N, C-alpha and C. Protein backbone atom coordinates (compact mmCIF):
# COMPACT_ATOMS: atom_id res chain seq x y z
N SER A 1 1.25 -0.89 -0.17
CA SER A 1 -0.08 -0.01 0.12
C SER A 1 0.88 1.11 0.25
N ALA A 2 0.08 2.50 -0.42
CA ALA A 2 1.10 3.54 -0.79
C ALA A 2 1.55 3.75 0.82
N THR A 3 2.80 4.69 0.90
CA THR A 3 3.47 5.45 1.99
C THR A 3 2.31 6.69 1.85
N ALA A 4 2.00 7.42 1.42
CA ALA A 4 1.63 8.48 1.13
C ALA A 4 1.08 8.96 -0.26
N GLU A 5 -0.25 9.67 -0.11
CA GLU A 5 -0.87 9.58 -1.51
C GLU A 5 -1.42 11.21 -1.37
N VAL A 6 -1.95 11.38 -2.22
CA VAL A 6 -3.11 13.03 -2.32
C VAL A 6 -3.55 12.83 -3.16
N SER A 7 -4.43 13.73 -3.71
CA SER A 7 -6.03 14.02 -4.49
C SER A 7 -5.79 15.48 -4.46
N GLU A 8 -5.54 15.85 -5.89
CA GLU A 8 -5.68 17.50 -5.96
C GLU A 8 -6.46 17.84 -7.09
N ALA A 9 -7.69 18.79 -6.85
CA ALA A 9 -8.27 19.35 -8.13
C ALA A 9 -7.26 20.41 -9.05
N LEU A 10 -7.40 20.38 -9.88
CA LEU A 10 -6.31 21.10 -10.54
C LEU A 10 -7.63 21.98 -11.57
N SER A 11 -7.14 22.71 -12.31
CA SER A 11 -8.33 23.66 -13.12
C SER A 11 -8.89 22.82 -14.18
N ASP A 12 -7.70 21.97 -14.96
CA ASP A 12 -8.22 21.38 -15.70
C ASP A 12 -8.86 19.85 -15.55
N GLY A 13 -8.62 19.18 -14.10
CA GLY A 13 -9.07 18.46 -13.61
C GLY A 13 -8.61 17.90 -12.58
N ARG A 14 -8.01 16.68 -12.45
CA ARG A 14 -7.91 15.98 -11.23
C ARG A 14 -6.54 15.02 -10.92
N MET A 15 -5.59 15.21 -10.24
CA MET A 15 -4.49 14.88 -10.26
C MET A 15 -4.47 13.59 -8.91
N ASP A 16 -4.19 12.44 -8.99
CA ASP A 16 -3.74 11.31 -7.66
C ASP A 16 -2.56 11.21 -7.87
N VAL A 17 -2.06 11.82 -6.44
CA VAL A 17 -0.24 10.72 -6.89
C VAL A 17 -0.20 10.17 -5.39
N GLN A 18 0.44 8.57 -5.66
CA GLN A 18 0.64 7.88 -4.87
C GLN A 18 2.09 8.02 -4.39
N VAL A 19 3.21 7.34 -3.34
CA VAL A 19 4.21 7.61 -3.59
C VAL A 19 4.25 6.33 -2.06
N TYR A 20 5.74 5.63 -2.59
CA TYR A 20 5.76 4.17 -2.04
C TYR A 20 7.36 4.08 -1.47
N ALA A 21 7.65 4.31 -0.38
CA ALA A 21 9.30 4.46 -0.02
C ALA A 21 8.90 2.73 0.44
N LEU A 22 9.94 2.37 -0.66
CA LEU A 22 10.15 1.04 -0.81
C LEU A 22 11.10 0.41 0.20
N GLY A 23 11.72 1.26 1.07
CA GLY A 23 13.21 1.01 1.52
C GLY A 23 14.81 1.67 1.03
N ASN A 24 15.62 0.99 1.38
CA ASN A 24 17.10 1.97 1.09
C ASN A 24 17.24 2.73 -0.16
N LEU A 25 16.00 3.85 0.61
CA LEU A 25 16.16 5.38 -0.52
C LEU A 25 15.45 5.09 -1.44
N ASP A 26 15.49 3.70 -2.10
CA ASP A 26 14.51 3.60 -3.12
C ASP A 26 12.91 4.18 -3.27
N VAL A 27 12.08 5.23 -3.91
CA VAL A 27 10.81 5.66 -4.06
C VAL A 27 10.60 5.30 -5.41
N ARG A 28 9.10 4.94 -5.51
CA ARG A 28 8.48 4.78 -6.29
C ARG A 28 7.53 5.92 -6.71
N VAL A 29 6.50 6.72 -7.55
CA VAL A 29 5.70 7.57 -7.61
C VAL A 29 5.04 7.10 -8.34
N GLU A 30 3.09 7.28 -8.41
CA GLU A 30 2.35 7.00 -9.63
C GLU A 30 1.79 8.08 -9.50
N ILE A 31 1.50 8.60 -10.62
CA ILE A 31 0.52 9.72 -11.23
C ILE A 31 -0.80 9.34 -11.94
N GLN A 32 -1.48 9.96 -11.86
CA GLN A 32 -2.37 9.25 -12.11
C GLN A 32 -3.73 10.66 -12.41
N PHE A 33 -3.13 11.49 -13.53
CA PHE A 33 -4.40 12.60 -14.27
C PHE A 33 -5.84 12.67 -15.20
N MET A 34 -6.43 12.77 -14.53
CA MET A 34 -7.80 12.64 -15.25
C MET A 34 -8.73 14.28 -15.40
N PRO A 35 -8.43 14.28 -16.87
CA PRO A 35 -8.67 15.98 -17.54
C PRO A 35 -10.40 15.94 -17.33
N ASP A 36 -10.83 17.45 -16.93
CA ASP A 36 -12.10 17.33 -16.88
C ASP A 36 -12.56 16.73 -18.87
N THR A 37 -13.90 16.82 -18.77
CA THR A 37 -14.27 16.82 -20.38
C THR A 37 -14.31 17.51 -21.17
N ASP A 38 -13.79 19.06 -20.53
CA ASP A 38 -13.33 19.64 -21.61
C ASP A 38 -12.05 20.27 -21.77
N ALA A 39 -11.18 19.65 -21.06
CA ALA A 39 -9.53 20.10 -21.36
C ALA A 39 -9.03 19.32 -21.90
N GLY A 40 -9.09 18.81 -23.21
CA GLY A 40 -8.63 17.80 -24.39
C GLY A 40 -7.16 18.36 -24.00
N ALA A 41 -6.88 19.54 -24.06
CA ALA A 41 -4.92 19.48 -24.37
C ALA A 41 -4.26 19.10 -23.08
N ALA A 42 -4.67 19.09 -21.84
CA ALA A 42 -3.77 18.96 -20.90
C ALA A 42 -3.94 17.51 -20.40
N ALA A 43 -4.82 16.52 -21.45
CA ALA A 43 -4.70 15.05 -21.39
C ALA A 43 -3.62 14.88 -21.49
N GLY A 44 -2.57 15.42 -22.59
CA GLY A 44 -1.60 15.12 -23.15
C GLY A 44 -0.62 15.39 -22.86
N MET A 45 -0.28 16.45 -21.85
CA MET A 45 0.98 17.34 -21.02
C MET A 45 1.14 16.12 -19.99
N ARG A 46 2.71 16.05 -20.27
CA ARG A 46 3.62 15.56 -19.23
C ARG A 46 3.61 16.85 -18.00
N PRO A 47 3.24 15.98 -16.46
CA PRO A 47 3.47 16.27 -15.62
C PRO A 47 4.61 16.71 -15.09
N ASP A 48 4.99 18.03 -14.12
CA ASP A 48 6.58 17.77 -13.28
C ASP A 48 6.56 17.88 -12.00
N VAL A 49 7.47 16.72 -12.03
CA VAL A 49 7.72 16.23 -10.49
C VAL A 49 9.35 16.00 -10.12
N ASN A 50 9.12 16.63 -9.05
CA ASN A 50 10.12 16.98 -8.18
C ASN A 50 9.93 16.88 -6.90
N PHE A 51 11.28 16.07 -6.26
CA PHE A 51 11.16 15.80 -4.95
C PHE A 51 12.23 16.92 -4.40
N ALA A 52 12.12 17.00 -3.18
CA ALA A 52 12.75 18.03 -2.61
C ALA A 52 12.84 17.57 -0.79
N MET A 53 14.09 17.70 0.16
CA MET A 53 13.98 17.66 1.21
C MET A 53 12.88 18.49 1.69
N VAL A 54 12.02 18.30 2.89
CA VAL A 54 11.34 19.20 4.16
C VAL A 54 12.57 20.17 4.63
N ASP A 55 12.58 21.79 4.81
CA ASP A 55 13.23 22.45 5.66
C ASP A 55 14.33 22.43 5.02
N MET A 56 14.99 21.83 3.86
CA MET A 56 16.11 22.18 3.45
C MET A 56 16.15 22.49 1.99
N HIS A 57 17.15 24.04 1.87
CA HIS A 57 17.39 24.86 0.90
C HIS A 57 18.66 24.22 -0.42
N MET A 58 17.74 23.40 -1.18
CA MET A 58 19.11 22.36 -1.58
C MET A 58 18.39 22.06 -3.23
N ASP A 59 18.96 21.80 -4.09
CA ASP A 59 18.59 21.45 -5.35
C ASP A 59 17.60 20.47 -5.28
N GLY A 60 16.71 20.42 -5.80
CA GLY A 60 15.43 19.34 -5.74
C GLY A 60 16.39 18.02 -6.85
N VAL A 61 15.27 16.56 -7.01
CA VAL A 61 15.53 15.60 -7.85
C VAL A 61 14.01 15.68 -8.58
N ALA A 62 14.53 15.70 -9.73
CA ALA A 62 13.34 15.18 -10.60
C ALA A 62 13.86 14.12 -11.82
N PRO A 63 13.06 13.08 -11.27
CA PRO A 63 13.56 11.51 -11.66
C PRO A 63 12.50 11.58 -12.91
N PRO A 64 12.97 10.97 -14.08
CA PRO A 64 12.60 10.70 -15.62
C PRO A 64 11.10 10.21 -15.02
N LEU A 65 10.17 10.35 -16.06
CA LEU A 65 8.70 9.98 -16.09
C LEU A 65 8.67 8.57 -17.18
N GLN A 66 8.07 7.84 -16.76
CA GLN A 66 7.53 6.86 -17.35
C GLN A 66 6.12 6.88 -17.81
N LEU A 67 5.45 7.02 -19.04
CA LEU A 67 4.41 6.70 -19.31
C LEU A 67 3.77 5.15 -19.30
N VAL A 68 2.99 5.28 -18.61
CA VAL A 68 2.15 4.02 -18.73
C VAL A 68 0.98 3.52 -19.13
N GLU A 69 0.29 4.70 -19.22
CA GLU A 69 -1.36 4.40 -20.29
C GLU A 69 -1.64 5.92 -20.48
N ALA A 70 -2.29 6.79 -21.24
CA ALA A 70 -2.61 8.04 -21.30
C ALA A 70 -3.05 8.27 -19.63
N GLY A 71 -2.32 9.44 -19.51
CA GLY A 71 -2.09 10.17 -18.00
C GLY A 71 -2.07 9.56 -16.74
N VAL A 72 -1.27 8.01 -17.20
CA VAL A 72 -0.89 7.51 -15.60
C VAL A 72 0.75 7.48 -16.29
N TRP A 73 1.98 8.12 -15.01
CA TRP A 73 3.07 7.91 -15.03
C TRP A 73 3.18 7.41 -14.24
N ARG A 74 4.93 6.62 -14.15
CA ARG A 74 5.20 6.26 -12.73
C ARG A 74 6.93 6.77 -12.85
N ALA A 75 7.37 6.96 -11.33
CA ALA A 75 8.96 7.81 -12.10
C ALA A 75 9.67 6.60 -10.68
N ASP A 76 10.62 6.26 -10.91
CA ASP A 76 11.48 5.54 -9.76
C ASP A 76 12.41 6.45 -9.63
N VAL A 77 12.55 6.46 -7.98
CA VAL A 77 13.72 7.53 -8.15
C VAL A 77 14.87 6.73 -6.27
N LYS A 78 15.96 6.86 -6.77
CA LYS A 78 16.92 6.50 -5.19
C LYS A 78 17.27 7.94 -4.83
N LEU A 79 17.19 8.33 -3.29
CA LEU A 79 17.09 9.27 -3.27
C LEU A 79 18.27 9.79 -2.48
N PRO A 80 19.19 10.96 -2.14
CA PRO A 80 20.71 10.95 -2.08
C PRO A 80 20.75 10.79 0.04
N MET A 81 19.16 10.90 0.29
CA MET A 81 19.67 10.77 2.06
C MET A 81 18.64 10.42 2.55
N ALA A 82 18.55 9.80 3.67
CA ALA A 82 17.19 9.84 4.65
C ALA A 82 16.49 10.63 5.32
N GLY A 83 14.73 10.18 5.84
CA GLY A 83 14.44 12.18 6.19
C GLY A 83 13.41 12.21 5.30
N ARG A 84 12.58 13.44 5.60
CA ARG A 84 11.16 14.00 5.50
C ARG A 84 11.35 14.37 4.21
N TRP A 85 10.45 13.94 2.94
CA TRP A 85 10.75 14.63 1.73
C TRP A 85 9.41 14.79 1.41
N VAL A 86 8.96 15.62 0.40
CA VAL A 86 8.04 16.42 -0.21
C VAL A 86 8.65 16.14 -1.88
N VAL A 87 7.46 15.86 -2.29
CA VAL A 87 7.26 15.46 -3.76
C VAL A 87 6.16 16.53 -4.77
N SER A 88 6.44 17.04 -5.37
CA SER A 88 5.39 18.19 -6.11
C SER A 88 5.24 17.45 -7.83
N VAL A 89 3.87 17.71 -7.55
CA VAL A 89 3.83 16.78 -9.05
C VAL A 89 2.69 17.68 -9.87
N GLY A 90 2.85 18.24 -10.88
CA GLY A 90 1.79 19.41 -11.57
C GLY A 90 2.40 19.91 -12.98
N PHE A 91 1.02 20.71 -13.16
CA PHE A 91 1.73 21.27 -14.64
C PHE A 91 1.69 23.13 -14.12
N GLY A 92 2.90 23.60 -14.38
CA GLY A 92 2.74 24.85 -14.30
C GLY A 92 2.73 25.70 -12.53
N GLU A 93 1.96 26.02 -13.02
CA GLU A 93 1.70 27.35 -11.64
C GLU A 93 1.18 25.93 -10.26
N GLU A 94 -0.26 25.02 -11.37
CA GLU A 94 -0.90 24.26 -10.39
C GLU A 94 0.06 22.76 -10.21
N PHE A 95 -0.02 22.48 -8.85
CA PHE A 95 0.34 21.03 -8.58
C PHE A 95 -0.26 20.52 -7.17
N ALA A 96 0.20 19.31 -6.66
CA ALA A 96 -0.41 18.59 -5.97
C ALA A 96 1.21 18.18 -5.12
N GLU A 97 1.03 18.04 -3.60
CA GLU A 97 2.40 18.19 -2.76
C GLU A 97 1.72 17.24 -1.55
N VAL A 98 2.74 16.60 -1.48
CA VAL A 98 3.00 15.25 -0.54
C VAL A 98 4.36 14.71 0.11
N GLU A 99 4.16 14.78 1.91
CA GLU A 99 5.30 14.74 2.10
C GLU A 99 5.10 13.19 2.56
N PHE A 100 6.23 12.68 2.90
CA PHE A 100 7.04 11.62 3.46
C PHE A 100 8.12 11.17 3.36
N ASP A 101 8.44 10.24 4.50
CA ASP A 101 9.92 9.91 4.98
C ASP A 101 10.49 8.88 4.55
N ALA A 102 11.28 8.77 3.88
CA ALA A 102 12.71 8.08 3.23
C ALA A 102 13.35 7.54 3.58
N ARG A 103 13.61 6.61 3.80
CA ARG A 103 14.32 5.93 4.70
C ARG A 103 15.47 4.48 3.99
């Protein structure tokens, strides 16, 4: 089951994000975007994904996304250190954020 998850209503649809902390600093994020029926263009857009440590001022980690199927992406990442992390997923100024512990 997911370590952390969030569902966020964006202007063009809903973004669901599940984070799986797999141990040994390995993390998988699964993203589903359900566009509104009139949001056509947003359905084909690839979301931006960024991992950052909470309360740390350092560059984030932006893993490559795999397209699983239309509107569904997955990313696997090995984080550089254990601690409290936040992943941001979205399009432009609109995004969903969820915090989790990486060990």
